Amino acid sequence: MRACQDAYEASAEYALDDLPGVEIQHDLFLALPDLTAWSAIAERLSAARAEVRALQIAPDGDGLGLRCRLTRIASGEARALVSDLLEAGVARRGQVEHLLLAAGAAR
């Protein structure tokens, strides 16, 4: 059943890529232990060929909160990136939100 769900999500995402005037962006929210974690995140973003559109890092409890808006990366890749960062211990917590933006939307 999971394979069917994965195939559906992949086909739906590529169908959205073909819609004129629609852009898919992904917001990553990560809790980091300190600023040194950014280098590992930047390496992974570069390897995925993701484009960083916005970046915000702010104090969050005993660490840092990071919000990063990405383009040029598929939804599945963005989710896998967050999972990888959590498994590697680079981030303490993480989630990704997917945004569909119409042409002419504020950037």
C-alpha atoms as a PDB file:
ATOM      1  CA  MET A   1       0.000   0.000   0.000  1.00  0.00           C
ATOM      2  CA  ARG A   2       2.863   2.397   0.792  1.00  0.00           C
ATOM      3  CA  ALA A   3       4.297   1.880  -2.700  1.00  0.00           C
ATOM      4  CA  CYS A   4       0.967   2.985  -4.201  1.00  0.00           C
ATOM      5  CA  GLN A   5       0.909   6.077  -1.977  1.00  0.00           C
ATOM      6  CA  ASP A   6       4.500   6.959  -2.957  1.00  0.00           C
ATOM      7  CA  ALA A   7       3.671   6.567  -6.652  1.00  0.00           C
ATOM      8  CA  TYR A   8       0.570   8.735  -6.279  1.00  0.00           C
ATOM      9  CA  GLU A   9       2.488  11.495  -4.474  1.00  0.00           C
ATOM     10  CA  ALA A  10       5.248  11.443  -7.100  1.00  0.00           C
ATOM     11  CA  SER A  11       2.812  11.632 -10.008  1.00  0.00           C
ATOM     12  CA  ALA A  12       0.803  14.410  -8.331  1.00  0.00           C
ATOM     13  CA  GLU A  13       3.953  16.427  -7.717  1.00  0.00           C
ATOM     14  CA  TYR A  14       5.143  16.128 -11.319  1.00  0.00           C
ATOM     15  CA  ALA A  15       1.658  17.052 -12.546  1.00  0.00           C
ATOM     16  CA  LEU A  16       1.911  20.262 -10.509  1.00  0.00           C
ATOM     17  CA  ASP A  17       5.273  21.010 -12.102  1.00  0.00           C
ATOM     18  CA  ASP A  18       3.505  21.175 -15.475  1.00  0.00           C
ATOM     19  CA  LEU A  19       0.965  23.793 -14.372  1.00  0.00           C
ATOM     20  CA  PRO A  20       1.884  27.215 -15.724  1.00  0.00           C
ATOM     21  CA  GLY A  21       2.311  29.845 -13.058  1.00  0.00           C
ATOM     22  CA  VAL A  22       2.572  27.415 -10.132  1.00  0.00           C
ATOM     23  CA  GLU A  23       5.739  27.171  -8.084  1.00  0.00           C
ATOM     24  CA  ILE A  24       6.351  24.598  -5.347  1.00  0.00           C
ATOM     25  CA  GLN A  25       8.400  25.760  -2.374  1.00  0.00           C
ATOM     26  CA  HIS A  26       9.306  23.934   0.809  1.00  0.00           C
ATOM     27  CA  ASP A  27       9.798  25.417   4.273  1.00  0.00           C
ATOM     28  CA  LEU A  28      12.165  23.434   6.482  1.00  0.00           C
ATOM     29  CA  PHE A  29      11.869  24.021  10.221  1.00  0.00           C
ATOM     30  CA  LEU A  30      14.767  22.598  12.231  1.00  0.00           C
ATOM     31  CA  ALA A  31      15.893  22.774  15.850  1.00  0.00           C
ATOM     32  CA  LEU A  32      19.695  22.868  15.913  1.00  0.00           C
ATOM     33  CA  PRO A  33      22.074  22.371  18.825  1.00  0.00           C
ATOM     34  CA  ASP A  34      24.320  25.230  17.626  1.00  0.00           C
ATOM     35  CA  LEU A  35      25.444  27.121  14.533  1.00  0.00           C
ATOM     36  CA  THR A  36      28.055  24.524  13.554  1.00  0.00           C
ATOM     37  CA  ALA A  37      25.175  22.332  12.293  1.00  0.00           C
ATOM     38  CA  TRP A  38      24.626  24.787   9.432  1.00  0.00           C
ATOM     39  CA  SER A  39      27.660  23.513   7.475  1.00  0.00           C
ATOM     40  CA  ALA A  40      26.232  19.970   7.345  1.00  0.00           C
ATOM     41  CA  ILE A  41      22.851  21.339   6.280  1.00  0.00           C
ATOM     42  CA  ALA A  42      24.413  23.534   3.581  1.00  0.00           C
ATOM     43  CA  GLU A  43      26.348  20.556   2.202  1.00  0.00           C
ATOM     44  CA  ARG A  44      23.172  18.470   1.948  1.00  0.00           C
ATOM     45  CA  LEU A  45      21.249  21.320   0.294  1.00  0.00           C
ATOM     46  CA  SER A  46      24.046  21.764  -2.226  1.00  0.00           C
ATOM     47  CA  ALA A  47      24.147  18.034  -2.969  1.00  0.00           C
ATOM     48  CA  ALA A  48      20.375  18.087  -3.577  1.00  0.00           C
ATOM     49  CA  ARG A  49      20.807  21.147  -5.850  1.00  0.00           C
ATOM     50  CA  ALA A  50      18.177  22.969  -3.805  1.00  0.00           C
ATOM     51  CA  GLU A  51      17.940  26.732  -4.078  1.00  0.00           C
ATOM     52  CA  VAL A  52      17.688  28.598  -0.771  1.00  0.00           C
ATOM     53  CA  ARG A  53      15.170  31.434  -1.183  1.00  0.00           C
ATOM     54  CA  ALA A  54      15.086  32.552   2.454  1.00  0.00           C
ATOM     55  CA  LEU A  55      16.947  31.673   5.634  1.00  0.00           C
ATOM     56  CA  GLN A  56      16.195  32.609   9.214  1.00  0.00           C
ATOM     57  CA  ILE A  57      18.168  31.453  12.256  1.00  0.00           C
ATOM     58  CA  ALA A  58      17.127  32.568  15.733  1.00  0.00           C
ATOM     59  CA  PRO A  59      17.723  31.531  19.354  1.00  0.00           C
ATOM     60  CA  ASP A  60      15.358  28.765  20.437  1.00  0.00           C
ATOM     61  CA  GLY A  61      15.640  27.476  23.995  1.00  0.00           C
ATOM     62  CA  ASP A  62      19.109  26.016  24.466  1.00  0.00           C
ATOM     63  CA  GLY A  63      19.829  25.930  20.732  1.00  0.00           C
ATOM     64  CA  LEU A  64      18.778  27.571  17.491  1.00  0.00           C
ATOM     65  CA  GLY A  65      15.669  27.479  15.353  1.00  0.00           C
ATOM     66  CA  LEU A  66      16.192  27.439  11.601  1.00  0.00           C
ATOM     67  CA  ARG A  67      13.632  28.214   8.926  1.00  0.00           C
ATOM     68  CA  CYS A  68      14.758  27.694   5.369  1.00  0.00           C
ATOM     69  CA  ARG A  69      12.611  28.154   2.241  1.00  0.00           C
ATOM     70  CA  LEU A  70      13.708  25.996  -0.679  1.00  0.00           C
ATOM     71  CA  THR A  71      12.936  25.637  -4.370  1.00  0.00           C
ATOM     72  CA  ARG A  72      14.258  23.314  -7.087  1.00  0.00           C
ATOM     73  CA  ILE A  73      13.799  20.275  -4.871  1.00  0.00           C
ATOM     74  CA  ALA A  74      10.990  17.718  -4.967  1.00  0.00           C
ATOM     75  CA  SER A  75       8.675  17.247  -1.991  1.00  0.00           C
ATOM     76  CA  GLY A  76       9.978  13.738  -1.380  1.00  0.00           C
ATOM     77  CA  GLU A  77      13.560  14.985  -1.442  1.00  0.00           C
ATOM     78  CA  ALA A  78      12.725  17.716   1.070  1.00  0.00           C
ATOM     79  CA  ARG A  79      11.137  15.157   3.429  1.00  0.00           C
ATOM     80  CA  ALA A  80      14.113  12.819   2.993  1.00  0.00           C
ATOM     81  CA  LEU A  81      16.498  15.685   3.731  1.00  0.00           C
ATOM     82  CA  VAL A  82      14.787  16.392   7.060  1.00  0.00           C
ATOM     83  CA  SER A  83      14.808  12.680   7.946  1.00  0.00           C
ATOM     84  CA  ASP A  84      18.498  12.449   7.073  1.00  0.00           C
ATOM     85  CA  LEU A  85      19.355  15.464   9.240  1.00  0.00           C
ATOM     86  CA  LEU A  86      17.443  13.980  12.178  1.00  0.00           C
ATOM     87  CA  GLU A  87      19.007  10.534  11.809  1.00  0.00           C
ATOM     88  CA  ALA A  88      22.506  12.040  11.533  1.00  0.00           C
ATOM     89  CA  GLY A  89      21.943  14.047  14.715  1.00  0.00           C
ATOM     90  CA  VAL A  90      22.452  17.350  12.901  1.00  0.00           C
ATOM     91  CA  ALA A  91      18.975  18.536  13.964  1.00  0.00           C
ATOM     92  CA  ARG A  92      17.067  17.789  17.162  1.00  0.00           C
ATOM     93  CA  ARG A  93      13.617  18.246  15.616  1.00  0.00           C
ATOM     94  CA  GLY A  94      12.463  18.918  12.110  1.00  0.00           C
ATOM     95  CA  GLN A  95       9.533  19.231   9.793  1.00  0.00           C
ATOM     96  CA  VAL A  96       8.832  20.400   6.274  1.00  0.00           C
ATOM     97  CA  GLU A  97       5.835  22.248   4.862  1.00  0.00           C
ATOM     98  CA  HIS A  98       5.073  22.336   1.152  1.00  0.00           C
ATOM     99  CA  LEU A  99       3.735  25.517  -0.440  1.00  0.00           C
ATOM    100  CA  LEU A 100       2.084  26.049  -3.809  1.00  0.00           C
ATOM    101  CA  LEU A 101       2.514  29.613  -5.004  1.00  0.00           C
ATOM    102  CA  ALA A 102       0.810  31.202  -7.984  1.00  0.00           C
ATOM    103  CA  ALA A 103       2.761  33.359 -10.417  1.00  0.00           C
ATOM    104  CA  GLY A 104       3.175  36.894  -9.181  1.00  0.00           C
ATOM    105  CA  ALA A 105       3.001  35.857  -5.492  1.00  0.00           C
ATOM    106  CA  ALA A 106       5.253  37.795  -3.133  1.00  0.00           C
ATOM    107  CA  ARG A 107       8.708  36.303  -2.771  1.00  0.00           C
END
